[in-house]
Structures are given as C-alpha cells and as structure tokens.
C-alpha atoms as a PDB file:
ATOM      1  CA  MET A   1      85.976  98.316  68.909  1.00  0.00           C
ATOM      2  CA  ILE A   2      88.277 101.359  69.141  1.00  0.00           C
ATOM      3  CA  TYR A   3      89.275 100.345  72.672  1.00  0.00           C
ATOM      4  CA  TRP A   4      90.349  96.891  71.515  1.00  0.00           C
ATOM      5  CA  ILE A   5      92.273  98.266  68.528  1.00  0.00           C
ATOM      6  CA  VAL A   6      94.234 100.671  70.755  1.00  0.00           C
ATOM      7  CA  HIS A   7      94.682  98.015  73.451  1.00  0.00           C
ATOM      8  CA  THR A   8      96.039  95.478  70.950  1.00  0.00           C
ATOM      9  CA  LEU A   9      98.416  98.008  69.385  1.00  0.00           C
ATOM     10  CA  SER A  10      99.647  99.009  72.854  1.00  0.00           C
ATOM     11  CA  ARG A  11     100.383  95.399  73.766  1.00  0.00           C
ATOM     12  CA  ILE A  12     102.232  94.765  70.514  1.00  0.00           C
ATOM     13  CA  ALA A  13     104.274  97.973  70.796  1.00  0.00           C
ATOM     14  CA  GLY A  14     104.984  97.250  74.435  1.00  0.00           C
ATOM     15  CA  ARG A  15     106.410  93.834  73.672  1.00  0.00           C
ATOM     16  CA  ILE A  16     108.454  94.958  70.676  1.00  0.00           C
ATOM     17  CA  PHE A  17     109.935  98.218  71.981  1.00  0.00           C
ATOM     18  CA  PHE A  18     109.825  97.815  75.749  1.00  0.00           C
ATOM     19  CA  ARG A  19     109.844  94.032  76.340  1.00  0.00           C
ATOM     20  CA  HIS A  20     106.699  94.532  78.437  1.00  0.00           C
ATOM     21  CA  ARG A  21     106.025  91.881  81.043  1.00  0.00           C
ATOM     22  CA  THR A  22     103.630  91.437  83.965  1.00  0.00           C
ATOM     23  CA  LEU A  23     104.523  89.766  87.250  1.00  0.00           C
ATOM     24  CA  HIS A  24     102.016  88.369  89.771  1.00  0.00           C
ATOM     25  CA  ARG A  25      99.142  88.613  87.332  1.00  0.00           C
ATOM     26  CA  GLU A  26      97.058  86.580  89.789  1.00  0.00           C
ATOM     27  CA  PHE A  27      96.478  89.767  91.784  1.00  0.00           C
ATOM     28  CA  LEU A  28      94.974  91.640  88.808  1.00  0.00           C
ATOM     29  CA  PRO A  29      91.174  91.558  88.970  1.00  0.00           C
ATOM     30  CA  GLU A  30      89.563  90.870  85.602  1.00  0.00           C
ATOM     31  CA  SER A  31      85.987  91.138  86.881  1.00  0.00           C
ATOM     32  CA  GLY A  32      84.116  93.054  89.545  1.00  0.00           C
ATOM     33  CA  GLY A  33      84.737  96.567  90.803  1.00  0.00           C
ATOM     34  CA  ALA A  34      88.315  97.388  91.778  1.00  0.00           C
ATOM     35  CA  LEU A  35      90.510 100.439  92.117  1.00  0.00           C
ATOM     36  CA  ILE A  36      93.899  99.905  90.499  1.00  0.00           C
ATOM     37  CA  VAL A  37      96.524 102.249  91.976  1.00  0.00           C
ATOM     38  CA  ALA A  38      99.923 102.698  90.330  1.00  0.00           C
ATOM     39  CA  ASN A  39     102.999 104.873  90.614  1.00  0.00           C
ATOM     40  CA  HIS A  40     103.386 107.476  87.860  1.00  0.00           C
ATOM     41  CA  VAL A  41     106.766 107.890  86.182  1.00  0.00           C
ATOM     42  CA  SER A  42     106.149 108.143  82.430  1.00  0.00           C
ATOM     43  CA  PHE A  43     103.799 108.978  79.564  1.00  0.00           C
ATOM     44  CA  LEU A  44     103.828 105.218  78.955  1.00  0.00           C
ATOM     45  CA  ASP A  45     102.231 104.311  82.294  1.00  0.00           C
ATOM     46  CA  PRO A  46      98.528 104.105  81.322  1.00  0.00           C
ATOM     47  CA  ALA A  47      99.215 101.947  78.273  1.00  0.00           C
ATOM     48  CA  ALA A  48     101.705  99.798  80.197  1.00  0.00           C
ATOM     49  CA  VAL A  49      99.239  99.043  83.009  1.00  0.00           C
ATOM     50  CA  GLY A  50      96.302  98.624  80.629  1.00  0.00           C
ATOM     51  CA  ALA A  51      98.271  96.093  78.579  1.00  0.00           C
ATOM     52  CA  ALA A  52      98.627  93.945  81.700  1.00  0.00           C
ATOM     53  CA  PHE A  53      94.846  93.427  81.773  1.00  0.00           C
ATOM     54  CA  ARG A  54      93.002  91.121  79.418  1.00  0.00           C
ATOM     55  CA  LYS A  55      89.660  92.885  79.883  1.00  0.00           C
ATOM     56  CA  PRO A  56      88.816  96.616  79.569  1.00  0.00           C
ATOM     57  CA  ILE A  57      89.569  99.030  82.378  1.00  0.00           C
ATOM     58  CA  TYR A  58      88.883 102.743  82.812  1.00  0.00           C
ATOM     59  CA  TYR A  59      91.603 105.384  82.890  1.00  0.00           C
ATOM     60  CA  LEU A  60      91.854 108.980  84.125  1.00  0.00           C
ATOM     61  CA  ALA A  61      93.476 111.937  82.370  1.00  0.00           C
ATOM     62  CA  ARG A  62      93.744 115.678  82.902  1.00  0.00           C
ATOM     63  CA  LYS A  63      90.797 117.620  81.524  1.00  0.00           C
ATOM     64  CA  SER A  64      93.197 119.826  79.551  1.00  0.00           C
ATOM     65  CA  LEU A  65      94.082 116.850  77.308  1.00  0.00           C
ATOM     66  CA  PHE A  66      90.547 116.540  75.959  1.00  0.00           C
ATOM     67  CA  LYS A  67      91.045 118.763  72.924  1.00  0.00           C
ATOM     68  CA  GLY A  68      91.200 118.140  69.186  1.00  0.00           C
ATOM     69  CA  VAL A  69      91.926 114.554  68.184  1.00  0.00           C
ATOM     70  CA  LEU A  70      92.476 113.482  71.793  1.00  0.00           C
ATOM     71  CA  GLY A  71      89.137 114.991  72.724  1.00  0.00           C
ATOM     72  CA  TRP A  72      87.546 112.574  70.279  1.00  0.00           C
ATOM     73  CA  LEU A  73      89.735 109.522  70.989  1.00  0.00           C
ATOM     74  CA  LEU A  74      90.099 109.475  74.770  1.00  0.00           C
ATOM     75  CA  PRO A  75      86.405 108.961  75.665  1.00  0.00           C
ATOM     76  CA  ARG A  76      86.287 106.081  73.159  1.00  0.00           C
ATOM     77  CA  ILE A  77      89.057 104.204  74.958  1.00  0.00           C
ATOM     78  CA  GLN A  78      87.440 104.659  78.379  1.00  0.00           C
ATOM     79  CA  VAL A  79      89.484 107.635  79.538  1.00  0.00           C
ATOM     80  CA  LEU A  80      87.719 110.022  81.920  1.00  0.00           C
ATOM     81  CA  PRO A  81      88.546 113.747  82.256  1.00  0.00           C
ATOM     82  CA  VAL A  82      89.424 114.622  85.856  1.00  0.00           C
ATOM     83  CA  ASP A  83      91.043 117.276  88.014  1.00  0.00           C
ATOM     84  CA  LEU A  84      91.328 115.458  91.334  1.00  0.00           C
ATOM     85  CA  GLY A  85      93.879 117.864  92.715  1.00  0.00           C
ATOM     86  CA  LYS A  86      91.305 120.659  92.698  1.00  0.00           C
ATOM     87  CA  GLY A  87      88.355 118.951  94.343  1.00  0.00           C
ATOM     88  CA  ASP A  88      86.612 117.772  91.168  1.00  0.00           C
ATOM     89  CA  LEU A  89      83.540 116.342  92.904  1.00  0.00           C
ATOM     90  CA  ALA A  90      81.724 115.482  89.673  1.00  0.00           C
ATOM     91  CA  SER A  91      84.641 113.327  88.522  1.00  0.00           C
ATOM     92  CA  MET A  92      84.927 111.673  91.923  1.00  0.00           C
ATOM     93  CA  LYS A  93      81.248 110.741  91.833  1.00  0.00           C
ATOM     94  CA  ARG A  94      81.649 109.347  88.320  1.00  0.00           C
ATOM     95  CA  ILE A  95      84.583 107.185  89.434  1.00  0.00           C
ATOM     96  CA  LEU A  96      82.644 105.882  92.439  1.00  0.00           C
ATOM     97  CA  SER A  97      79.683 105.053  90.182  1.00  0.00           C
ATOM     98  CA  LEU A  98      81.925 103.088  87.824  1.00  0.00           C
ATOM     99  CA  LEU A  99      83.359 101.129  90.742  1.00  0.00           C
ATOM    100  CA  LYS A 100      79.909 100.309  92.099  1.00  0.00           C
ATOM    101  CA  GLU A 101      78.870  99.163  88.610  1.00  0.00           C
ATOM    102  CA  GLY A 102      81.632  96.557  88.717  1.00  0.00           C
ATOM    103  CA  ASN A 103      84.328  98.276  86.662  1.00  0.00           C
ATOM    104  CA  ARG A 104      88.053  98.471  87.200  1.00  0.00           C
ATOM    105  CA  VAL A 105      89.442 102.013  87.340  1.00  0.00           C
ATOM    106  CA  LEU A 106      93.135 102.900  87.134  1.00  0.00           C
ATOM    107  CA  ILE A 107      94.317 105.806  89.271  1.00  0.00           C
ATOM    108  CA  PHE A 108      97.745 107.348  89.707  1.00  0.00           C
ATOM    109  CA  PRO A 109      97.595 108.676  93.303  1.00  0.00           C
ATOM    110  CA  GLU A 110     100.563 111.002  92.731  1.00  0.00           C
ATOM    111  CA  GLY A 111      98.565 112.828  90.064  1.00  0.00           C
ATOM    112  CA  THR A 112     101.557 113.780  87.952  1.00  0.00           C
ATOM    113  CA  ARG A 113     104.701 112.025  86.771  1.00  0.00           C
ATOM    114  CA  SER A 114     107.531 111.702  89.262  1.00  0.00           C
ATOM    115  CA  PRO A 115     110.455 114.018  88.419  1.00  0.00           C
ATOM    116  CA  ASP A 116     113.053 111.382  89.326  1.00  0.00           C
ATOM    117  CA  GLY A 117     111.274 108.040  89.198  1.00  0.00           C
ATOM    118  CA  THR A 118     110.750 107.747  92.952  1.00  0.00           C
ATOM    119  CA  ILE A 119     107.341 107.413  94.576  1.00  0.00           C
ATOM    120  CA  GLN A 120     105.789 110.742  95.587  1.00  0.00           C
ATOM    121  CA  GLU A 121     102.966 111.677  97.975  1.00  0.00           C
ATOM    122  CA  ALA A 122      99.349 111.114  96.988  1.00  0.00           C
ATOM    123  CA  GLU A 123      97.230 114.016  95.745  1.00  0.00           C
ATOM    124  CA  ALA A 124      94.219 115.335  97.587  1.00  0.00           C
ATOM    125  CA  GLY A 125      91.025 113.524  96.648  1.00  0.00           C
ATOM    126  CA  ILE A 126      92.555 110.097  96.168  1.00  0.00           C
ATOM    127  CA  GLY A 127      91.967 109.066  99.773  1.00  0.00           C
ATOM    128  CA  PHE A 128      88.298 110.016  99.469  1.00  0.00           C
ATOM    129  CA  ILE A 129      87.816 107.684  96.496  1.00  0.00           C
ATOM    130  CA  ILE A 130      89.687 104.897  98.262  1.00  0.00           C
ATOM    131  CA  ALA A 131      87.612 105.269 101.430  1.00  0.00           C
ATOM    132  CA  LYS A 132      84.253 105.601  99.669  1.00  0.00           C
ATOM    133  CA  GLY A 133      84.789 103.124  96.844  1.00  0.00           C
ATOM    134  CA  ASP A 134      84.102 100.014  98.937  1.00  0.00           C
ATOM    135  CA  VAL A 135      86.011  97.859  96.439  1.00  0.00           C
ATOM    136  CA  PRO A 136      89.386  96.068  96.507  1.00  0.00           C
ATOM    137  CA  VAL A 137      92.321  98.449  96.069  1.00  0.00           C
ATOM    138  CA  VAL A 138      95.064  96.726  94.095  1.00  0.00           C
ATOM    139  CA  PRO A 139      98.566  98.280  94.025  1.00  0.00           C
ATOM    140  CA  VAL A 140     100.530  97.982  90.789  1.00  0.00           C
ATOM    141  CA  ARG A 141     104.101  99.219  90.549  1.00  0.00           C
ATOM    142  CA  ILE A 142     105.705 100.166  87.256  1.00  0.00           C
ATOM    143  CA  PHE A 143     109.418  99.495  86.775  1.00  0.00           C
ATOM    144  CA  GLY A 144     111.529 100.668  83.849  1.00  0.00           C
ATOM    145  CA  ALA A 145     109.128 103.198  82.333  1.00  0.00           C
ATOM    146  CA  PHE A 146     111.050 106.149  83.791  1.00  0.00           C
ATOM    147  CA  GLU A 147     114.196 104.991  82.032  1.00  0.00           C
ATOM    148  CA  CYS A 148     112.256 104.520  78.775  1.00  0.00           C
ATOM    149  CA  TRP A 149     110.449 107.864  78.783  1.00  0.00           C
ATOM    150  CA  GLY A 150     110.812 109.750  82.049  1.00  0.00           C
ATOM    151  CA  ARG A 151     109.959 113.333  82.771  1.00  0.00           C
ATOM    152  CA  GLY A 152     112.272 115.726  80.932  1.00  0.00           C
ATOM    153  CA  THR A 153     112.983 113.206  78.173  1.00  0.00           C
ATOM    154  CA  THR A 154     111.900 114.288  74.683  1.00  0.00           C
ATOM    155  CA  TRP A 155     111.621 110.887  73.023  1.00  0.00           C
ATOM    156  CA  PRO A 156     111.055 107.335  74.287  1.00  0.00           C
ATOM    157  CA  ARG A 157     113.956 104.888  74.374  1.00  0.00           C
ATOM    158  CA  PRO A 158     113.884 101.090  74.114  1.00  0.00           C
ATOM    159  CA  GLY A 159     114.129  99.270  77.412  1.00  0.00           C
ATOM    160  CA  ARG A 160     112.236  96.868  79.651  1.00  0.00           C
ATOM    161  CA  ILE A 161     108.982  97.821  81.359  1.00  0.00           C
ATOM    162  CA  THR A 162     107.773  95.504  84.092  1.00  0.00           C
ATOM    163  CA  ILE A 163     104.379  95.685  85.772  1.00  0.00           C
ATOM    164  CA  VAL A 164     104.347  94.103  89.233  1.00  0.00           C
ATOM    165  CA  ALA A 165     100.983  93.602  90.918  1.00  0.00           C
ATOM    166  CA  GLY A 166     100.572  93.275  94.664  1.00  0.00           C
ATOM    167  CA  PRO A 167      97.802  91.870  96.864  1.00  0.00           C
ATOM    168  CA  PRO A 168      94.826  94.128  97.673  1.00  0.00           C
ATOM    169  CA  VAL A 169      95.628  96.716 100.332  1.00  0.00           C
ATOM    170  CA  ASP A 170      94.409  95.730 103.806  1.00  0.00           C
ATOM    171  CA  PHE A 171      92.788  98.698 105.535  1.00  0.00           C
ATOM    172  CA  ALA A 172      91.832  96.704 108.643  1.00  0.00           C
ATOM    173  CA  SER A 173      94.774  98.195 110.517  1.00  0.00           C
ATOM    174  CA  LEU A 174      93.254 101.683 110.424  1.00  0.00           C
ATOM    175  CA  PRO A 175      91.565 102.751 113.684  1.00  0.00           C
ATOM    176  CA  ALA A 176      87.785 102.347 113.523  1.00  0.00           C
ATOM    177  CA  ASP A 177      87.254 105.797 115.044  1.00  0.00           C
ATOM    178  CA  LEU A 178      89.312 107.491 112.314  1.00  0.00           C
ATOM    179  CA  THR A 179      86.879 109.511 110.201  1.00  0.00           C
ATOM    180  CA  GLY A 180      86.644 112.316 107.661  1.00  0.00           C
ATOM    181  CA  ARG A 181      89.787 113.875 106.213  1.00  0.00           C
ATOM    182  CA  ALA A 182      92.008 112.025 108.659  1.00  0.00           C
ATOM    183  CA  ARG A 183      90.717 108.678 107.391  1.00  0.00           C
ATOM    184  CA  TYR A 184      91.027 109.739 103.733  1.00  0.00           C
ATOM    185  CA  GLN A 185      94.651 110.726 104.311  1.00  0.00           C
ATOM    186  CA  ALA A 186      95.389 107.505 106.173  1.00  0.00           C
ATOM    187  CA  CYS A 187      93.925 105.473 103.296  1.00  0.00           C
ATOM    188  CA  ALA A 188      96.063 107.338 100.773  1.00  0.00           C
ATOM    189  CA  ASP A 189      99.198 106.925 102.901  1.00  0.00           C
ATOM    190  CA  LEU A 190      98.587 103.190 103.300  1.00  0.00           C
ATOM    191  CA  VAL A 191      98.224 102.764  99.541  1.00  0.00           C
ATOM    192  CA  MET A 192     101.459 104.625  98.850  1.00  0.00           C
ATOM    193  CA  LYS A 193     103.200 102.458 101.458  1.00  0.00           C
ATOM    194  CA  ALA A 194     101.902  99.309  99.711  1.00  0.00           C
ATOM    195  CA  LEU A 195     103.219 100.596  96.384  1.00  0.00           C
ATOM    196  CA  ALA A 196     106.628 101.381  97.849  1.00  0.00           C
ATOM    197  CA  GLU A 197     106.906  97.856  99.266  1.00  0.00           C
ATOM    198  CA  ILE A 198     106.458  96.158  95.878  1.00  0.00           C
ATOM    199  CA  ASN A 199     109.763  95.011  94.406  1.00  0.00           C
ATOM    200  CA  LEU A 200     110.910  93.137  91.329  1.00  0.00           C
END
C-alpha cells in the first residue's frame, strides 16, 4: 500500500512539475526478472524511472540513507541498502535472488550522481551482477533531470524529464573465453556503451 501511495504521488508530481514522459515504453519489462540500468544525474532519478513502470520495481540506495524516517520508509517502498562500490557481497546476493525470483531491479551503474550530467564509468560490482543475473539487461537513459536538480543545485527547478528506454543489451558479442573480472568489466562497459547510444 505504501509503495503505491508513493508511486502515485511521484507520477503526479512528475507530470505537474517536470512534464515527465516515457519514450519507447515497449522495451520496459513489466513482468519477469530484469535488470534496469540507468544513468545517474539527479536526486530525482529513482522516482523518475520508477514512474515509467506500471508495476512495482526494486531500487537501491546507499546504506547511510537508512536512518530515521528514511530508515522506516525506504524498505516499505522496495528500496534495498547497498554499498556496491565496496564489495558488498550480501547485497549482491540479495539482488541476484530478487532477479531469479522474477523481479525488476533498478541499478545506477555509475553509483553516484554525475557532476556534469555526462555518463561516467561503471562502479565495481555492477559487472558481476550483470554477468551473474542471467536476466535481460534493459538500458534506460534519463534526460532533463540534471537541469531540474543536478549535483550542486540546492533546490529542484521545473523542467522536462524524459525517460528513454532501449532494447535489452546484447552480450553475444563478448568472447566466450572471457571469464572472471575481465568478463565482469566487459559487461559493465557494454552496458554503459548502450546507455550512451540512447538519444531523444
């Protein structure tokens, strides 16, 4: 119930203040396990991507945010505490379990918000989840959120936020003999390349 209340409020606020729209919705999986990967440019990103989906998805957030009111609210809207940049194996296993159970999980490979709105390199750990998840990996690029509430900006500003979905990433081009860390890195690099190629 709390998830749907927050989701509905996010969609309403998104349309009123940010003229939120979603392009190529046909690529967004509404059932079955899938890893949703998006660029990260604003505090608004999780809500903006979540509003593009009609059914619940899972989100990730820094463990340090799970305090006070947020510590109570975040788990109730399907937000998981993670620290992927520091080899958080327990969180990685939890994400993989959710994917195998048929859930959709949103991940920001860059880990933190871009300082200038451009796409950054993927954090360590993301490639492992991509390689081990055995589910479709769907790239979603966020446009306009940096201008609305980018890093270094104190308050959000009205604007237009557009979510553009792309087709699932094709990993068939990776060499079959590529294993271990090299394969994880190659998976992460391919996902970031797919994100960079999405345009309005």
